Amino acid sequence: MRLIQKSVMFRLWCVVIVLCLTVAGLQAQELKCQLTVNAQKIAGVDPSVFTTMQTALNEYMNTKAWTTDVFSPEERIECSISIQIVSQAAQDVYNATITVQSSRPVFNSSYNSPMFNFLDKDCQITYVQNQSIDFSPTAYNSNLSSILGFYAYMIIGLDYESFSKGGGTKYFNIAEQIMNLVPTSAPDAKGWRPFDGNRNRYWLINNIQASKYDTFRKALWDYHFAGMDNFYDKPTLARANIMNALDKLQQISRDNPNGILIAVFFQAKSDELVGVFSGADASEKTKAVNYLRSIDPTNSTKYDKLLKN
């Protein structure tokens, strides 16, 4: 009898352990990030340093649990980060540009809609080969881990915002907290401060958090959840909702010319918008092109092609 009881208890413990491991595995790894480091312009530094850096940063982005939410492997947010090492400022200190991109799946399709496409020109990072990458959202450890943590939460916040109005707020709050912890007097603080230009990390999180840009966040939901996610079976409704998003974006553009959020949105979306309205009727195409020319004049030539098809 005791042997049977022990056998049953052992099996129960095995089940509990398996379930715990499964849940733990699901909770981690929100990001499916492809991170590359390009240091071809740098001479006099052992190339293995940058190979090691790339491996360490990929592990940092892909194995860390950024949230407490449950993610299955197929739900991980696809993104890429490209670090271009421009010059060496000092021993183990490098000036770099970082390109961050992310996308989100469209319901009932194999298509991923681009969400975020941002070039960060103001990065100075320190990396000592084989040194661990330490990060905490409540404490400053290094500029490198703060920059990558900041973009991890921007990516997650934008993704959540596209599925639920206000869904990204807590992740934008964490990104803002990361920024506020950076010592602004440090030599590598460029890009975290308001006087470092108008297209940097400071203005990115400042604008997405500002109440005057609430309409922008509503437009994200109109565009993705009400728009793109309906494209498979209700393309007419999808385009109408995307047009509603463009109407909101036009209002923002008029009130805040040269705003960073509008620029970042169309950096990601201009090609997709051409595809969205390529199947529309003539009057809808004309309406869409008028919106797009007004909001995103840089890509007018691209949008004008819609009227020729």
Foldseek 3Di string as FASTA:
>chain_A
DVVVVVVVVVVVVVVVVVVVVVQVVQQWFLAPEQEAEAEPVEPPDPPVQRVQVNVQVNCVNGGGRLDRDGHDPVNRWYKYKYWYFDYAPDVQKTQTKIWIWTWDDAAPDPDTATQWTAIARQAIFGDDGPDHQDDDLQADDTRVNLVSSLVSLVSVLSRLLQAPPVRSVVSLVSSLSSLVRDDCVDPGNQQSDPPNDQRGSPLVSVQVPDPVCSLLSVLSNLQGVQARNCCVPCLVRNLVSNLVSLVSLLVVCVVDPPHNSLVGRCVRPVVVVLVSCLPPDQVSLVSVLVSCCRSPVVCNVVSVVSNVD
